[in-house]
């Protein structure tokens, strides 16, 4: 088990540009962009996670 708070998850439309998303980890899916925000971390990662098909 991990200590600490869980991440917040928000879902954004697939076409949402990076500059319109809040800081967090982005997982791009076909119809949506999932954004995970970890407590205590407020910076963007260098690049979005690549989609594997």
Protein backbone atom coordinates (compact mmCIF):
# COMPACT_ATOMS: atom_id res chain seq x y z
CA UNK A 1 0.00 0.00 0.00
CA UNK A 2 1.19 3.50 -0.85
CA UNK A 3 1.25 6.38 1.66
CA UNK A 4 -0.26 9.72 0.65
CA UNK A 5 -3.19 11.06 -1.28
CA UNK A 6 -4.57 9.59 -4.48
CA UNK A 7 -4.40 11.53 -7.76
CA UNK A 8 -7.35 13.54 -9.06
CA UNK A 9 -8.59 12.41 -12.49
CA UNK A 10 -10.26 14.71 -15.01
CA UNK A 11 -11.39 13.84 -18.53
CA UNK A 12 -11.05 16.29 -21.42
CA UNK A 13 -12.11 16.02 -25.09
CA UNK A 14 -9.53 14.37 -27.36
CA UNK A 15 -8.86 17.61 -29.26
CA UNK A 16 -8.01 19.70 -26.19
CA UNK A 17 -4.61 21.37 -26.82
CA UNK A 18 -1.84 20.90 -24.24
CA UNK A 19 -1.83 24.59 -23.30
CA UNK A 20 -5.50 24.34 -22.24
CA UNK A 21 -4.85 21.50 -19.78
CA UNK A 22 -3.83 22.03 -16.18
CA UNK A 23 -0.52 20.63 -14.95
CA UNK A 24 -0.57 16.87 -14.64
CA UNK A 25 0.12 13.58 -16.37
CA UNK A 26 -1.83 13.15 -19.62
CA UNK A 27 -2.94 9.84 -21.06
CA UNK A 28 -4.28 10.27 -24.59
CA UNK A 29 -7.08 7.93 -25.61
CA UNK A 30 -9.06 7.81 -28.86
CA UNK A 31 -11.95 10.00 -27.65
CA UNK A 32 -10.54 11.71 -24.57
CA UNK A 33 -7.48 12.97 -22.76
CA UNK A 34 -7.20 11.68 -19.20
CA UNK A 35 -5.40 14.01 -16.83
CA UNK A 36 -4.01 12.78 -13.52
CA UNK A 37 -3.02 15.42 -10.97
CA UNK A 38 -0.87 14.17 -8.10
CA UNK A 39 -1.03 16.10 -4.81
CA UNK A 40 2.11 18.20 -4.31
CA UNK A 41 3.19 18.11 -7.96
CA UNK A 42 2.28 21.12 -10.09
CA UNK A 43 4.61 20.91 -13.09
CA UNK A 44 4.10 19.39 -16.54
CA UNK A 45 6.03 16.34 -17.65
CA UNK A 46 8.28 16.90 -20.69
CA UNK A 47 5.83 15.20 -23.09
CA UNK A 48 2.48 13.42 -23.07
CA UNK A 49 2.43 9.66 -22.78
CA UNK A 50 2.52 8.03 -26.23
CA UNK A 51 -0.49 5.98 -27.28
CA UNK A 52 0.20 2.31 -28.08
CA UNK A 53 -2.12 0.51 -30.49
